[in-house]
N, C-alpha and C. Protein backbone atom coordinates (compact mmCIF):
# COMPACT_ATOMS: atom_id res chain seq x y z
N MET A 1 -34.67 292.96 273.73
CA MET A 1 -33.57 292.18 273.13
C MET A 1 -31.66 293.67 273.23
N ILE A 2 -32.11 294.11 273.11
CA ILE A 2 -30.84 295.56 273.42
C ILE A 2 -31.22 296.09 274.55
N ASP A 3 -31.31 295.31 275.51
CA ASP A 3 -31.37 295.37 276.92
C ASP A 3 -30.40 294.44 277.61
N GLN A 4 -30.44 293.45 276.93
CA GLN A 4 -29.09 292.49 277.56
C GLN A 4 -27.89 293.52 278.66
N ASN A 5 -27.56 292.49 279.44
CA ASN A 5 -26.26 292.85 279.71
C ASN A 5 -24.91 292.09 279.19
N LEU A 6 -24.13 292.51 279.70
CA LEU A 6 -23.02 291.97 279.00
C LEU A 6 -21.76 291.84 280.10
N ARG A 7 -21.27 291.85 280.69
CA ARG A 7 -20.04 291.75 281.05
C ARG A 7 -18.34 292.60 280.24
N ILE A 8 -18.14 293.22 280.83
CA ILE A 8 -16.85 294.14 279.77
C ILE A 8 -16.11 294.70 281.31
N ALA A 9 -14.92 294.23 281.32
CA ALA A 9 -13.70 295.10 281.95
C ALA A 9 -14.02 296.76 281.55
N GLY A 10 -13.79 296.57 280.66
CA GLY A 10 -13.75 298.38 280.64
C GLY A 10 -14.43 299.29 278.84
N VAL A 11 -13.53 300.25 278.65
CA VAL A 11 -14.20 301.12 277.33
C VAL A 11 -13.25 301.17 277.17
N VAL A 12 -12.29 301.83 275.65
CA VAL A 12 -11.60 302.66 274.88
C VAL A 12 -12.48 303.69 273.99
N ASP A 13 -12.93 304.85 274.11
CA ASP A 13 -13.92 305.77 273.47
C ASP A 13 -13.19 305.76 272.23
N GLU A 14 -12.18 306.31 272.60
CA GLU A 14 -11.94 306.33 271.02
C GLU A 14 -10.03 305.46 270.90
N SER A 15 -9.79 305.49 269.94
CA SER A 15 -8.63 304.57 269.98
C SER A 15 -7.87 304.42 268.18
N ILE A 16 -7.24 304.30 268.19
CA ILE A 16 -6.96 304.29 266.71
C ILE A 16 -5.32 303.01 266.97
N VAL A 17 -5.51 302.34 267.62
CA VAL A 17 -5.03 301.52 267.33
C VAL A 17 -5.11 299.79 267.57
N ASP A 18 -6.40 299.48 267.56
CA ASP A 18 -6.77 298.92 268.14
C ASP A 18 -8.29 298.68 266.10
N GLY A 19 -7.70 298.74 264.94
CA GLY A 19 -7.84 298.49 264.40
C GLY A 19 -7.81 299.38 263.27
N PRO A 20 -8.77 299.76 261.80
CA PRO A 20 -9.29 300.89 261.46
C PRO A 20 -9.64 302.24 261.35
N GLY A 21 -9.11 303.28 261.59
CA GLY A 21 -9.76 305.11 261.49
C GLY A 21 -9.91 304.99 263.16
N ILE A 22 -10.89 305.79 263.53
CA ILE A 22 -11.69 306.05 264.37
C ILE A 22 -12.37 305.44 265.66
N ARG A 23 -11.80 303.73 266.11
CA ARG A 23 -12.72 302.98 266.77
C ARG A 23 -13.47 303.12 268.38
N PHE A 24 -14.11 302.89 268.52
CA PHE A 24 -14.67 302.74 270.05
C PHE A 24 -14.26 300.78 270.08
N VAL A 25 -14.28 300.90 271.92
CA VAL A 25 -12.88 299.76 271.79
C VAL A 25 -14.37 298.97 272.98
N ILE A 26 -14.78 297.70 273.03
CA ILE A 26 -14.99 297.09 273.97
C ILE A 26 -14.46 296.09 275.17
N PHE A 27 -13.91 296.64 275.69
CA PHE A 27 -13.37 294.46 275.35
C PHE A 27 -13.86 294.34 277.09
N THR A 28 -14.40 292.98 275.92
CA THR A 28 -15.55 291.67 277.05
C THR A 28 -14.38 291.07 278.66
N GLN A 29 -15.64 291.14 279.54
CA GLN A 29 -14.31 290.54 281.15
C GLN A 29 -14.52 288.84 280.63
N GLY A 30 -13.35 287.50 280.98
CA GLY A 30 -13.97 286.40 280.99
C GLY A 30 -13.16 285.96 279.94
N CYS A 31 -12.04 285.04 280.28
CA CYS A 31 -11.32 284.55 278.98
C CYS A 31 -11.08 283.06 279.41
N PRO A 32 -11.42 282.04 279.23
CA PRO A 32 -10.61 280.87 279.01
C PRO A 32 -8.95 280.39 278.69
N HIS A 33 -8.31 281.83 278.05
CA HIS A 33 -7.62 281.22 277.49
C HIS A 33 -6.10 281.10 278.03
N HIS A 34 -6.23 282.63 278.78
CA HIS A 34 -5.23 282.66 279.54
C HIS A 34 -3.41 282.29 279.10
N CYS A 35 -3.17 283.34 278.08
CA CYS A 35 -2.09 282.81 276.60
C CYS A 35 -1.41 283.90 277.82
N PRO A 36 0.02 282.83 278.20
CA PRO A 36 1.28 283.33 279.24
C PRO A 36 1.60 285.04 277.95
N GLY A 37 2.36 285.87 278.21
CA GLY A 37 2.35 287.79 278.11
C GLY A 37 0.71 288.21 277.75
N CYS A 38 -0.42 287.76 278.22
CA CYS A 38 -1.60 288.05 277.84
C CYS A 38 -1.86 289.76 278.10
N HIS A 39 -1.47 290.64 277.12
CA HIS A 39 -1.77 292.44 277.37
C HIS A 39 -3.11 292.76 278.81
N ASN A 40 -4.03 291.87 278.61
CA ASN A 40 -5.13 292.48 278.98
C ASN A 40 -5.55 291.22 280.10
N PRO A 41 -4.44 290.11 281.01
CA PRO A 41 -4.49 289.62 281.98
C PRO A 41 -5.65 289.66 283.03
N GLN A 42 -6.08 291.58 283.01
CA GLN A 42 -7.04 291.75 284.24
C GLN A 42 -8.28 291.24 283.70
N THR A 43 -8.80 290.56 282.69
CA THR A 43 -9.72 290.41 282.17
C THR A 43 -10.91 289.23 282.26
N HIS A 44 -9.58 288.84 282.21
CA HIS A 44 -9.35 286.80 282.65
C HIS A 44 -11.20 285.96 283.05
N ASP A 45 -10.58 287.17 284.92
CA ASP A 45 -11.84 286.42 285.27
C ASP A 45 -13.02 286.14 285.00
N PHE A 46 -13.63 285.35 285.11
CA PHE A 46 -15.34 285.56 284.52
C PHE A 46 -15.94 286.06 285.04
N ALA A 47 -16.00 286.80 286.54
CA ALA A 47 -17.03 286.96 287.75
C ALA A 47 -16.40 288.97 287.99
N GLY A 48 -14.98 288.84 287.12
CA GLY A 48 -15.61 290.42 287.46
C GLY A 48 -15.94 291.73 286.41
N GLY A 49 -14.75 292.56 286.10
CA GLY A 49 -15.33 293.74 286.14
C GLY A 49 -17.02 294.39 286.35
N GLN A 50 -17.70 293.93 284.91
CA GLN A 50 -18.85 295.21 285.12
C GLN A 50 -19.49 294.80 284.62
N GLU A 51 -21.08 295.05 284.74
CA GLU A 51 -22.43 294.56 283.90
C GLU A 51 -22.89 295.38 283.61
N VAL A 52 -22.74 296.61 282.57
CA VAL A 52 -23.83 297.12 282.15
C VAL A 52 -24.87 296.69 280.57
N LYS A 53 -26.05 297.07 280.48
CA LYS A 53 -26.61 297.19 278.79
C LYS A 53 -25.89 297.93 277.50
N ILE A 54 -26.34 296.61 276.63
CA ILE A 54 -25.74 297.23 275.50
C ILE A 54 -26.27 298.34 274.73
N SER A 55 -27.79 298.70 275.22
CA SER A 55 -28.30 299.83 275.05
C SER A 55 -27.12 301.32 275.69
N ARG A 56 -26.69 301.15 276.76
CA ARG A 56 -26.34 302.07 277.35
C ARG A 56 -24.32 302.39 276.24
N LEU A 57 -23.95 300.93 275.80
CA LEU A 57 -22.84 301.25 274.89
C LEU A 57 -23.31 301.35 273.29
N LEU A 58 -23.86 301.09 272.78
CA LEU A 58 -24.85 301.29 272.13
C LEU A 58 -24.67 303.45 271.81
N ALA A 59 -25.84 304.37 272.87
CA ALA A 59 -25.09 304.86 273.61
C ALA A 59 -23.86 305.68 273.00
N ASP A 60 -23.75 305.40 273.80
CA ASP A 60 -22.08 305.90 274.04
C ASP A 60 -21.06 305.64 272.47
N VAL A 61 -21.54 305.00 271.65
CA VAL A 61 -20.23 304.54 270.51
C VAL A 61 -21.39 305.44 269.12
N GLN A 62 -22.81 305.62 269.13
CA GLN A 62 -23.39 307.00 268.47
C GLN A 62 -23.86 307.81 268.54
N ALA A 63 -23.00 308.41 270.17
CA ALA A 63 -22.87 309.94 271.10
C ALA A 63 -21.89 310.46 269.82
N ASN A 64 -21.01 309.79 269.45
CA ASN A 64 -19.25 309.76 268.81
C ASN A 64 -19.21 310.61 267.64
N PRO A 65 -19.86 310.99 266.97
CA PRO A 65 -19.63 310.71 265.01
C PRO A 65 -18.69 310.40 264.47
N LEU A 66 -17.16 310.62 265.14
CA LEU A 66 -16.03 310.50 264.96
C LEU A 66 -15.58 309.62 264.81
N ILE A 67 -16.15 308.27 265.50
CA ILE A 67 -16.52 306.50 265.42
C ILE A 67 -16.39 306.23 264.43
N GLY A 68 -16.02 305.72 263.45
CA GLY A 68 -16.64 304.66 262.32
C GLY A 68 -16.02 303.25 262.36
N GLY A 69 -15.92 302.65 263.35
CA GLY A 69 -16.05 301.23 264.05
C GLY A 69 -15.46 301.47 265.09
N VAL A 70 -16.66 299.74 265.33
CA VAL A 70 -16.04 299.05 267.44
C VAL A 70 -15.59 297.90 266.70
N THR A 71 -15.16 298.36 267.85
CA THR A 71 -13.44 296.80 268.34
C THR A 71 -14.50 295.64 269.43
N LEU A 72 -14.37 295.02 269.09
CA LEU A 72 -14.18 293.51 269.93
C LEU A 72 -12.80 293.03 270.38
N SER A 73 -13.02 293.56 272.24
CA SER A 73 -11.69 292.86 272.64
C SER A 73 -11.93 291.93 273.69
N GLY A 74 -10.09 292.02 274.46
CA GLY A 74 -11.32 290.88 275.94
C GLY A 74 -10.25 290.86 276.59
N GLY A 75 -10.57 289.85 277.28
CA GLY A 75 -11.39 289.23 277.53
C GLY A 75 -11.27 288.50 276.24
N GLU A 76 -12.95 287.54 276.63
CA GLU A 76 -13.13 286.63 274.98
C GLU A 76 -15.09 287.23 274.46
N PRO A 77 -14.10 288.03 273.69
CA PRO A 77 -15.83 288.31 272.40
C PRO A 77 -17.01 287.16 272.86
N PHE A 78 -16.20 286.04 272.33
CA PHE A 78 -16.76 284.44 271.87
C PHE A 78 -17.96 283.86 273.03
N CYS A 79 -17.39 284.67 274.37
CA CYS A 79 -18.28 283.98 275.67
C CYS A 79 -19.11 284.35 276.43
N GLN A 80 -19.57 285.63 275.62
CA GLN A 80 -20.19 286.45 275.40
C GLN A 80 -20.93 286.78 274.44
N PRO A 81 -21.16 285.33 273.24
CA PRO A 81 -22.64 285.29 271.62
C PRO A 81 -23.46 286.23 271.61
N LYS A 82 -23.42 286.37 272.13
CA LYS A 82 -25.90 286.30 272.46
C LYS A 82 -25.69 288.44 272.36
N PRO A 83 -25.56 288.43 273.14
CA PRO A 83 -25.52 290.29 273.82
C PRO A 83 -24.56 290.46 272.67
N LEU A 84 -23.22 290.45 272.39
CA LEU A 84 -22.88 291.61 271.64
C LEU A 84 -23.01 291.14 269.46
N ALA A 85 -23.56 289.84 269.46
CA ALA A 85 -24.15 289.93 268.25
C ALA A 85 -25.15 291.70 268.42
N GLU A 86 -25.78 290.77 269.41
CA GLU A 86 -26.95 292.56 269.01
C GLU A 86 -26.63 293.49 269.36
N LEU A 87 -25.34 294.02 269.70
CA LEU A 87 -25.53 294.86 269.80
C LEU A 87 -24.65 295.30 268.61
N VAL A 88 -23.47 293.98 267.74
CA VAL A 88 -22.78 294.67 266.59
C VAL A 88 -23.95 294.55 265.60
N ARG A 89 -25.50 294.15 265.73
CA ARG A 89 -26.05 294.20 264.47
C ARG A 89 -26.38 295.45 264.39
N VAL A 90 -27.23 296.23 265.66
CA VAL A 90 -27.43 297.08 265.30
C VAL A 90 -26.31 298.54 265.42
N LEU A 91 -25.40 298.07 265.32
CA LEU A 91 -24.30 299.77 265.16
C LEU A 91 -24.05 299.17 263.41
N ARG A 92 -23.36 297.36 263.15
CA ARG A 92 -23.67 298.09 261.77
C ARG A 92 -25.09 298.44 260.39
N LEU A 93 -26.26 298.51 261.29
CA LEU A 93 -27.27 299.05 260.53
C LEU A 93 -27.07 300.73 260.06
N GLY A 94 -26.02 300.97 261.31
CA GLY A 94 -25.38 302.17 261.27
C GLY A 94 -25.10 302.20 260.52
N GLY A 95 -24.50 301.63 259.69
CA GLY A 95 -22.45 301.79 258.98
C GLY A 95 -21.14 301.60 260.22
N LYS A 96 -21.26 301.33 261.04
CA LYS A 96 -19.58 300.75 261.51
C LYS A 96 -19.27 299.62 261.29
N HIS A 97 -17.96 299.29 261.10
CA HIS A 97 -17.21 298.24 260.81
C HIS A 97 -17.10 297.89 262.01
N ILE A 98 -17.20 296.66 262.32
CA ILE A 98 -16.94 295.92 263.24
C ILE A 98 -15.73 294.91 263.06
N MET A 99 -14.44 295.05 264.21
CA MET A 99 -13.55 294.17 264.39
C MET A 99 -13.44 293.30 265.74
N ALA A 100 -13.42 292.10 265.45
CA ALA A 100 -12.94 291.41 266.61
C ALA A 100 -11.95 290.46 267.09
N TYR A 101 -10.91 290.77 268.38
CA TYR A 101 -10.47 289.77 268.76
C TYR A 101 -10.87 288.27 269.15
N THR A 102 -10.33 287.29 268.68
CA THR A 102 -10.49 286.14 270.15
C THR A 102 -9.28 285.23 269.39
N GLY A 103 -9.20 284.43 271.38
CA GLY A 103 -7.86 283.54 271.19
C GLY A 103 -8.68 282.02 270.22
N TYR A 104 -9.90 282.12 269.97
CA TYR A 104 -10.09 280.73 269.34
C TYR A 104 -9.95 280.96 267.62
N THR A 105 -9.70 279.78 266.87
CA THR A 105 -9.17 280.18 265.37
C THR A 105 -11.26 280.43 264.26
N TRP A 106 -10.22 280.78 263.22
CA TRP A 106 -11.21 281.19 262.77
C TRP A 106 -12.33 279.51 262.63
N GLU A 107 -11.68 278.12 262.18
CA GLU A 107 -12.28 276.69 262.47
C GLU A 107 -13.01 276.78 263.76
N GLN A 108 -12.06 277.07 265.00
CA GLN A 108 -12.22 276.39 266.67
C GLN A 108 -13.46 276.83 266.41
N LEU A 109 -14.38 278.75 266.24
CA LEU A 109 -15.69 279.23 266.00
C LEU A 109 -16.57 278.17 265.57
N LEU A 110 -15.80 277.35 264.37
CA LEU A 110 -17.48 277.79 263.42
C LEU A 110 -17.50 275.39 263.47
N GLU A 111 -16.37 275.01 264.06
CA GLU A 111 -16.63 273.73 265.05
C GLU A 111 -18.30 273.67 266.02
N MET A 112 -17.96 274.81 266.17
CA MET A 112 -18.73 275.33 268.31
C MET A 112 -19.86 274.96 267.62
N ASP A 113 -20.03 274.93 266.37
CA ASP A 113 -21.69 274.72 266.06
C ASP A 113 -23.25 275.36 266.96
N ASP A 114 -22.87 276.82 267.08
CA ASP A 114 -23.16 277.32 268.39
C ASP A 114 -23.85 278.36 267.47
N PRO A 115 -25.40 278.64 267.63
CA PRO A 115 -26.48 279.75 266.81
C PRO A 115 -25.58 280.72 267.16
N ASP A 116 -25.90 280.74 268.54
CA ASP A 116 -25.09 282.94 268.95
C ASP A 116 -23.24 283.04 268.38
N VAL A 117 -22.42 282.25 268.42
CA VAL A 117 -21.02 282.41 267.97
C VAL A 117 -21.66 282.81 266.47
N LEU A 118 -22.13 281.85 265.80
CA LEU A 118 -22.34 282.54 264.86
C LEU A 118 -23.36 283.80 263.76
N ALA A 119 -24.33 283.89 264.94
CA ALA A 119 -24.45 284.75 265.00
C ALA A 119 -23.41 286.38 264.51
N LEU A 120 -22.88 286.07 266.04
CA LEU A 120 -22.16 287.16 265.98
C LEU A 120 -20.53 287.61 264.64
N LEU A 121 -20.45 285.48 264.54
CA LEU A 121 -19.54 285.86 263.46
C LEU A 121 -19.88 286.38 262.27
N ARG A 122 -20.78 285.90 261.51
CA ARG A 122 -21.46 287.22 260.75
C ARG A 122 -22.26 288.74 260.95
N GLN A 123 -22.18 289.26 262.21
CA GLN A 123 -21.64 290.48 262.40
C GLN A 123 -21.12 291.17 262.53
N CYS A 124 -19.48 290.68 261.95
CA CYS A 124 -17.85 291.06 262.13
C CYS A 124 -17.47 291.80 260.34
N ASP A 125 -17.15 292.51 260.15
CA ASP A 125 -16.43 292.31 258.70
C ASP A 125 -14.67 291.89 258.86
N VAL A 126 -14.40 291.83 260.18
CA VAL A 126 -12.86 291.70 260.53
C VAL A 126 -12.60 290.83 261.67
N LEU A 127 -12.17 289.35 261.28
CA LEU A 127 -11.35 288.75 263.13
C LEU A 127 -10.54 288.39 263.08
N VAL A 128 -10.17 289.27 264.55
CA VAL A 128 -8.86 288.58 264.13
C VAL A 128 -8.04 286.90 265.35
N ASP A 129 -7.81 285.99 264.66
CA ASP A 129 -7.94 284.58 265.41
C ASP A 129 -6.19 284.39 265.65
N GLY A 130 -6.63 283.09 266.54
CA GLY A 130 -5.90 282.72 267.28
C GLY A 130 -5.21 283.74 268.74
N PRO A 131 -5.10 282.35 269.54
CA PRO A 131 -4.31 282.53 270.94
C PRO A 131 -2.86 283.51 270.55
N PHE A 132 -2.84 284.69 271.79
CA PHE A 132 -1.50 285.33 271.66
C PHE A 132 -0.47 283.79 271.79
N ARG A 133 1.06 284.10 271.26
CA ARG A 133 2.00 283.43 271.47
C ARG A 133 3.13 284.04 271.44
N MET A 134 3.41 284.14 272.62
CA MET A 134 4.37 285.16 273.13
C MET A 134 5.88 284.79 272.77
N GLU A 135 5.93 283.53 272.20
CA GLU A 135 7.13 282.65 270.43
C GLU A 135 6.74 283.54 269.31
N GLU A 136 5.88 284.17 269.25
CA GLU A 136 5.81 283.70 268.10
C GLU A 136 5.15 285.62 268.08
N ARG A 137 5.30 286.73 269.17
CA ARG A 137 5.77 288.45 268.96
C ARG A 137 6.02 288.55 268.18
N ASP A 138 6.09 290.18 267.87
CA ASP A 138 6.00 290.21 266.97
C ASP A 138 5.50 291.25 266.50
N LEU A 139 6.48 292.79 267.15
CA LEU A 139 5.56 294.31 267.24
C LEU A 139 5.38 294.99 265.89
N ALA A 140 6.16 294.61 265.46
CA ALA A 140 6.15 295.29 263.42
C ALA A 140 4.31 294.76 263.24
N LEU A 141 3.67 293.61 263.39
CA LEU A 141 2.53 292.91 262.72
C LEU A 141 1.14 294.15 263.02
N ARG A 142 -0.03 294.41 262.38
CA ARG A 142 -0.07 295.05 262.39
C ARG A 142 -1.57 294.66 263.19
N PHE A 143 -1.99 295.28 263.47
CA PHE A 143 -3.43 295.34 264.56
C PHE A 143 -3.54 293.43 265.07
N ARG A 144 -2.66 293.30 265.32
CA ARG A 144 -2.10 291.92 266.27
C ARG A 144 -0.67 291.29 267.21
N GLY A 145 -0.62 290.55 267.86
CA GLY A 145 0.46 290.53 268.46
C GLY A 145 1.49 290.09 267.73
N SER A 146 1.06 288.34 267.83
CA SER A 146 1.82 287.14 267.00
C SER A 146 1.23 286.69 265.74
N ARG A 147 2.93 286.29 265.03
CA ARG A 147 2.61 285.62 263.81
C ARG A 147 1.14 284.87 264.04
N ASN A 148 1.26 283.96 264.31
CA ASN A 148 -0.12 282.34 264.42
C ASN A 148 -1.29 283.87 264.58
N GLN A 149 -1.30 284.68 264.61
CA GLN A 149 -2.69 284.78 264.73
C GLN A 149 -2.84 286.24 262.41
N ARG A 150 -4.86 285.63 262.76
CA ARG A 150 -4.94 286.22 261.74
C ARG A 150 -5.24 287.44 260.69
N LEU A 151 -5.75 288.45 260.22
CA LEU A 151 -6.98 288.99 259.93
C LEU A 151 -7.56 288.66 259.32
N ILE A 152 -8.70 287.64 259.76
CA ILE A 152 -9.53 287.71 258.37
C ILE A 152 -10.88 288.46 258.31
N ASP A 153 -11.13 288.82 256.54
CA ASP A 153 -11.99 288.60 255.74
C ASP A 153 -13.14 288.33 256.31
N VAL A 154 -14.58 288.50 257.23
CA VAL A 154 -15.36 287.43 257.37
C VAL A 154 -16.33 287.09 256.58
N PRO A 155 -16.92 288.28 255.36
CA PRO A 155 -18.05 288.25 254.84
C PRO A 155 -17.29 287.08 253.59
N ALA A 156 -15.82 287.23 252.82
CA ALA A 156 -15.54 286.62 251.79
C ALA A 156 -15.00 285.89 252.49
N SER A 157 -15.00 284.79 253.99
CA SER A 157 -14.42 283.58 253.98
C SER A 157 -15.65 283.15 254.18
N LEU A 158 -16.69 283.28 255.23
CA LEU A 158 -18.60 282.52 255.02
C LEU A 158 -18.81 282.20 253.39
N GLU A 159 -19.06 283.37 252.53
CA GLU A 159 -18.89 283.02 251.14
C GLU A 159 -18.34 282.19 250.48
N GLN A 160 -17.36 282.23 250.61
CA GLN A 160 -16.18 281.16 249.90
C GLN A 160 -15.88 279.86 250.46
N GLY A 161 -16.62 279.78 252.07
CA GLY A 161 -16.00 278.38 252.83
C GLY A 161 -14.96 278.23 253.42
N SER A 162 -14.15 279.12 252.89
CA SER A 162 -12.28 279.31 253.59
C SER A 162 -11.89 280.51 253.67
N VAL A 163 -10.72 280.41 254.60
CA VAL A 163 -10.73 281.43 255.07
C VAL A 163 -9.85 282.88 254.29
N VAL A 164 -9.93 283.55 254.22
CA VAL A 164 -9.25 284.59 253.01
C VAL A 164 -8.41 285.44 254.52
N THR A 165 -7.44 286.35 253.74
CA THR A 165 -6.94 287.21 254.78
C THR A 165 -7.34 288.30 254.50
N THR A 166 -6.85 289.68 255.18
CA THR A 166 -7.25 291.30 254.51
C THR A 166 -6.08 291.90 255.20
N ALA A 167 -5.51 293.17 254.29
CA ALA A 167 -4.36 293.39 254.84
C ALA A 167 -4.57 294.93 255.70
N CYS A 168 -6.89 294.91 256.10
CA CYS A 168 -7.53 295.80 256.87
C CYS A 168 -6.67 297.31 257.19
N THR A 169 -6.90 297.39 256.00
CA THR A 169 -5.91 298.91 256.31
C THR A 169 -7.03 300.80 255.95
N HIS A 170 -8.59 299.89 255.55
CA HIS A 170 -9.82 300.99 255.93
C HIS A 170 -10.77 300.90 256.15
N LEU A 171 -11.64 301.74 256.94
CA LEU A 171 -12.60 300.78 257.05
C LEU A 171 -13.54 300.86 255.67
C-alpha cells in the first residue's frame, strides 16, 4: 500500500503558515471547487502536476527531524483519499500532527459515504472545511482564508457526532 501513487502540484518542505509548528505541506493536484480567488488555481487541473510514490513523500517528511506535522492542501485532498489515508496513517504512527484543507464541508464529507474519505478523515487531527469565499475573506483569521471556513477538531467531532471547533494553536 505504501507504494501507491499520489498526484501532487508540489510540496513545501518547511512551513509555519499552514498549521501549527513546523510542517511539511503537500499540495494535491486536482480540484472540483474552482473557488473564485483561490490562491492555488494551478492545482485545479486533475491532469496537471506530477505523480509521486507516497513512500517518497514519507521519506521526505521523516528525513527532517524538525517537522512536527503534515498539512494536506490542494487542490482537493479528498479527491485522492486512499493514498493520502495510507500516508498519514503511517505519519501519525510516527507522532506527526495531521491537518487537511478541503473545499467540502464536514457534513458533505460524511454524506459521501465513501470508506476512503472516512479513512482519511479519521487520520486527521484538524480539518479546515468549506470553500474559500472571497466575500468572506479575512486576513486576520488563523490558518484559513474566509470566515465560513471552520477549524475542526476531527477526533472530538467524530466522537461527539457533531462539529467541535478548535483554535489549533499547538501540536
